[in-house]
Amino acid sequence: EWDLPVVDPIETIKIRMEEFGLKPADLAKIHGNKGNLSKVLNYQRALSLSMIRKLSATLRIPTDMLIQEYSLKG
């Protein structure tokens, strides 16, 4: 059994970005819209299905980790 800390999808993305040495601007180049990505990383917008697929492939995060529910701010 895995004893991994419970981390929401956004924290998981941020951790993987750090591990790969990627900044939000780098991900925006891959995923297009910098504004949308910024809103997602700041908990102002939910991850879309297409973002989940792309981030899963780019950051090598299993999709089941990215589809977990998490709270948005505001």
N, C-alpha and C. Protein backbone atom coordinates (compact mmCIF):
# COMPACT_ATOMS: atom_id res chain seq x y z
N GLU A 1 0.85 -1.20 0.00
CA GLU A 1 0.00 0.00 0.00
C GLU A 1 0.88 1.25 0.00
N TRP A 2 0.46 2.22 -0.78
CA TRP A 2 1.21 3.47 -0.89
C TRP A 2 0.86 4.39 0.27
N ASP A 3 1.86 5.04 0.81
CA ASP A 3 1.62 6.00 1.89
C ASP A 3 2.05 7.38 1.43
N LEU A 4 1.43 7.83 0.34
CA LEU A 4 1.78 9.12 -0.23
C LEU A 4 0.95 10.21 0.42
N PRO A 5 1.52 11.40 0.59
CA PRO A 5 0.73 12.50 1.15
C PRO A 5 -0.39 12.87 0.18
N VAL A 6 -1.50 13.29 0.72
CA VAL A 6 -2.61 13.71 -0.13
C VAL A 6 -2.31 15.13 -0.60
N VAL A 7 -2.11 15.25 -1.89
CA VAL A 7 -1.77 16.54 -2.49
C VAL A 7 -2.80 16.81 -3.58
N ASP A 8 -3.33 18.02 -3.61
CA ASP A 8 -4.33 18.30 -4.65
C ASP A 8 -3.64 18.41 -6.02
N PRO A 9 -4.44 18.32 -7.10
CA PRO A 9 -3.86 18.31 -8.44
C PRO A 9 -2.95 19.50 -8.75
N ILE A 10 -3.30 20.68 -8.25
CA ILE A 10 -2.51 21.87 -8.54
C ILE A 10 -1.14 21.79 -7.86
N GLU A 11 -1.12 21.34 -6.61
CA GLU A 11 0.16 21.17 -5.92
C GLU A 11 1.00 20.11 -6.63
N THR A 12 0.35 19.05 -7.10
CA THR A 12 1.06 18.00 -7.84
C THR A 12 1.71 18.60 -9.09
N ILE A 13 0.97 19.42 -9.81
CA ILE A 13 1.51 20.08 -11.01
C ILE A 13 2.70 20.95 -10.65
N LYS A 14 2.55 21.74 -9.58
CA LYS A 14 3.64 22.64 -9.16
C LYS A 14 4.89 21.86 -8.76
N ILE A 15 4.70 20.76 -8.05
CA ILE A 15 5.84 19.92 -7.64
C ILE A 15 6.56 19.37 -8.87
N ARG A 16 5.79 18.86 -9.84
CA ARG A 16 6.40 18.30 -11.05
C ARG A 16 7.08 19.39 -11.88
N MET A 17 6.48 20.57 -11.94
CA MET A 17 7.11 21.68 -12.66
C MET A 17 8.48 21.97 -12.05
N GLU A 18 8.54 21.98 -10.73
CA GLU A 18 9.80 22.24 -10.03
C GLU A 18 10.82 21.13 -10.34
N GLU A 19 10.35 19.88 -10.29
CA GLU A 19 11.24 18.75 -10.57
C GLU A 19 11.81 18.81 -11.98
N PHE A 20 10.99 19.26 -12.94
CA PHE A 20 11.44 19.35 -14.33
C PHE A 20 12.09 20.69 -14.65
N GLY A 21 12.12 21.60 -13.66
CA GLY A 21 12.71 22.92 -13.88
C GLY A 21 11.88 23.78 -14.83
N LEU A 22 10.58 23.60 -14.80
CA LEU A 22 9.69 24.36 -15.68
C LEU A 22 9.03 25.51 -14.93
N LYS A 23 8.89 26.62 -15.61
CA LYS A 23 8.17 27.77 -15.07
C LYS A 23 6.81 27.82 -15.76
N PRO A 24 5.85 28.56 -15.16
CA PRO A 24 4.54 28.67 -15.82
C PRO A 24 4.65 29.11 -17.29
N ALA A 25 5.58 30.00 -17.59
CA ALA A 25 5.75 30.46 -18.98
C ALA A 25 6.15 29.30 -19.90
N ASP A 26 6.96 28.37 -19.38
CA ASP A 26 7.36 27.21 -20.18
C ASP A 26 6.15 26.34 -20.50
N LEU A 27 5.31 26.12 -19.49
CA LEU A 27 4.10 25.32 -19.70
C LEU A 27 3.14 26.03 -20.64
N ALA A 28 3.06 27.35 -20.52
CA ALA A 28 2.16 28.12 -21.39
C ALA A 28 2.56 27.95 -22.86
N LYS A 29 3.87 27.87 -23.12
CA LYS A 29 4.34 27.65 -24.50
C LYS A 29 3.82 26.32 -25.03
N ILE A 30 3.79 25.32 -24.16
CA ILE A 30 3.34 23.99 -24.56
C ILE A 30 1.82 23.94 -24.66
N HIS A 31 1.16 24.61 -23.72
CA HIS A 31 -0.28 24.47 -23.60
C HIS A 31 -1.07 25.67 -24.07
N GLY A 32 -0.39 26.63 -24.68
CA GLY A 32 -1.12 27.73 -25.29
C GLY A 32 -1.41 28.88 -24.36
N ASN A 33 -2.58 28.91 -23.77
CA ASN A 33 -3.07 30.10 -23.10
C ASN A 33 -2.46 30.34 -21.71
N LYS A 34 -1.61 31.35 -21.63
CA LYS A 34 -0.93 31.67 -20.36
C LYS A 34 -1.92 32.14 -19.30
N GLY A 35 -2.94 32.89 -19.70
CA GLY A 35 -3.95 33.39 -18.76
C GLY A 35 -4.71 32.26 -18.10
N ASN A 36 -5.15 31.28 -18.91
CA ASN A 36 -5.87 30.14 -18.36
C ASN A 36 -4.99 29.34 -17.42
N LEU A 37 -3.76 29.11 -17.82
CA LEU A 37 -2.83 28.35 -16.99
C LEU A 37 -2.59 29.06 -15.66
N SER A 38 -2.42 30.36 -15.71
CA SER A 38 -2.21 31.16 -14.51
C SER A 38 -3.41 31.04 -13.57
N LYS A 39 -4.61 31.12 -14.14
CA LYS A 39 -5.82 30.99 -13.32
C LYS A 39 -5.90 29.62 -12.67
N VAL A 40 -5.54 28.59 -13.42
CA VAL A 40 -5.55 27.22 -12.88
C VAL A 40 -4.55 27.11 -11.73
N LEU A 41 -3.32 27.60 -11.94
CA LEU A 41 -2.28 27.48 -10.92
C LEU A 41 -2.59 28.32 -9.68
N ASN A 42 -3.45 29.32 -9.83
CA ASN A 42 -3.85 30.17 -8.70
C ASN A 42 -5.23 29.80 -8.15
N TYR A 43 -5.70 28.61 -8.51
CA TYR A 43 -6.98 28.09 -7.99
C TYR A 43 -8.17 28.97 -8.35
N GLN A 44 -8.09 29.67 -9.49
CA GLN A 44 -9.21 30.52 -9.90
C GLN A 44 -10.02 29.87 -11.02
N ARG A 45 -9.50 28.79 -11.57
CA ARG A 45 -10.16 28.10 -12.67
C ARG A 45 -9.87 26.61 -12.53
N ALA A 46 -10.86 25.80 -12.83
CA ALA A 46 -10.67 24.34 -12.75
C ALA A 46 -9.90 23.83 -13.96
N LEU A 47 -9.19 22.76 -13.77
CA LEU A 47 -8.51 22.10 -14.89
C LEU A 47 -9.55 21.58 -15.88
N SER A 48 -9.31 21.80 -17.16
CA SER A 48 -10.19 21.25 -18.19
C SER A 48 -9.67 19.86 -18.56
N LEU A 49 -10.50 19.10 -19.22
CA LEU A 49 -10.10 17.75 -19.63
C LEU A 49 -8.89 17.80 -20.57
N SER A 50 -8.89 18.75 -21.50
CA SER A 50 -7.75 18.84 -22.42
C SER A 50 -6.47 19.24 -21.69
N MET A 51 -6.59 20.13 -20.69
CA MET A 51 -5.41 20.50 -19.88
C MET A 51 -4.89 19.29 -19.11
N ILE A 52 -5.82 18.53 -18.54
CA ILE A 52 -5.43 17.34 -17.79
C ILE A 52 -4.64 16.39 -18.69
N ARG A 53 -5.14 16.17 -19.89
CA ARG A 53 -4.44 15.26 -20.82
C ARG A 53 -3.04 15.78 -21.16
N LYS A 54 -2.95 17.07 -21.48
CA LYS A 54 -1.66 17.65 -21.87
C LYS A 54 -0.68 17.68 -20.70
N LEU A 55 -1.17 18.10 -19.52
CA LEU A 55 -0.28 18.16 -18.35
C LEU A 55 0.17 16.77 -17.92
N SER A 56 -0.72 15.81 -18.05
CA SER A 56 -0.38 14.43 -17.72
C SER A 56 0.78 13.95 -18.61
N ALA A 57 0.68 14.25 -19.90
CA ALA A 57 1.72 13.83 -20.84
C ALA A 57 3.02 14.60 -20.62
N THR A 58 2.92 15.91 -20.47
CA THR A 58 4.11 16.75 -20.33
C THR A 58 4.85 16.50 -19.03
N LEU A 59 4.09 16.43 -17.92
CA LEU A 59 4.70 16.33 -16.59
C LEU A 59 4.75 14.89 -16.07
N ARG A 60 4.27 13.96 -16.90
CA ARG A 60 4.24 12.55 -16.51
C ARG A 60 3.53 12.33 -15.18
N ILE A 61 2.33 12.90 -15.08
CA ILE A 61 1.48 12.73 -13.90
C ILE A 61 0.30 11.85 -14.33
N PRO A 62 0.03 10.78 -13.59
CA PRO A 62 -1.14 9.95 -13.96
C PRO A 62 -2.42 10.79 -13.95
N THR A 63 -3.26 10.58 -14.95
CA THR A 63 -4.49 11.38 -15.05
C THR A 63 -5.37 11.22 -13.81
N ASP A 64 -5.34 10.06 -13.17
CA ASP A 64 -6.20 9.90 -11.99
C ASP A 64 -5.79 10.82 -10.85
N MET A 65 -4.54 11.27 -10.85
CA MET A 65 -4.11 12.24 -9.83
C MET A 65 -4.62 13.64 -10.18
N LEU A 66 -4.78 13.91 -11.46
CA LEU A 66 -5.19 15.24 -11.90
C LEU A 66 -6.70 15.43 -11.89
N ILE A 67 -7.47 14.34 -11.86
CA ILE A 67 -8.93 14.49 -11.88
C ILE A 67 -9.54 14.58 -10.49
N GLN A 68 -8.68 14.52 -9.45
CA GLN A 68 -9.19 14.64 -8.08
C GLN A 68 -9.87 16.00 -7.90
N GLU A 69 -10.90 16.01 -7.06
CA GLU A 69 -11.57 17.29 -6.78
C GLU A 69 -10.70 18.16 -5.88
N TYR A 70 -10.81 19.45 -6.09
CA TYR A 70 -10.11 20.42 -5.24
C TYR A 70 -10.90 21.71 -5.24
N SER A 71 -10.68 22.53 -4.23
CA SER A 71 -11.46 23.76 -4.08
C SER A 71 -10.82 24.91 -4.82
N LEU A 72 -11.65 25.72 -5.44
CA LEU A 72 -11.19 26.94 -6.09
C LEU A 72 -11.33 28.08 -5.09
N LYS A 73 -10.54 29.14 -5.30
CA LYS A 73 -10.60 30.32 -4.43
C LYS A 73 -11.54 31.35 -5.06
N GLY A 74 -12.25 32.05 -4.19
CA GLY A 74 -13.15 33.08 -4.68
C GLY A 74 -14.40 32.47 -5.20
